[in-house]
């Protein structure tokens, strides 16, 4: 959301980091839940006109979008039960990552530190 959303303290860093990852030819992936988050957020704040541009930006940036299947949701349920301090959305992302062999995540959300299988990419610009 920082990358495609309104001004935010993390927006500049998001743009710079994603730009660096693209220049380094890193494969960028996401899951369908990220698109759902965009849809939910912009609908909730009555900015539906921003949905398509945000979808377009994200679709252009990523190399692949992983589906969120029933198996992923079942795995996320296991994560929520194992890590009570996690959110359901974070668990969906982690379960999707684990199911698809993705070990690194670009996020400002420190909640992902709970998961030993996930490595957080640095979000500082130095």
Foldseek 3Di string as FASTA:
>chain_A
DLCQDDDDPLNVLVVVVLVVCVVVVHAAEEEVVVLVVLVVVCVVVVNVVSSVVSVVVVVVSHPYYHYQDPVLLVQLVVVCVVPVVDDSSVSSRVSSCVVVVHAEDEDPDCVVVVDPSHDYDDSDPD
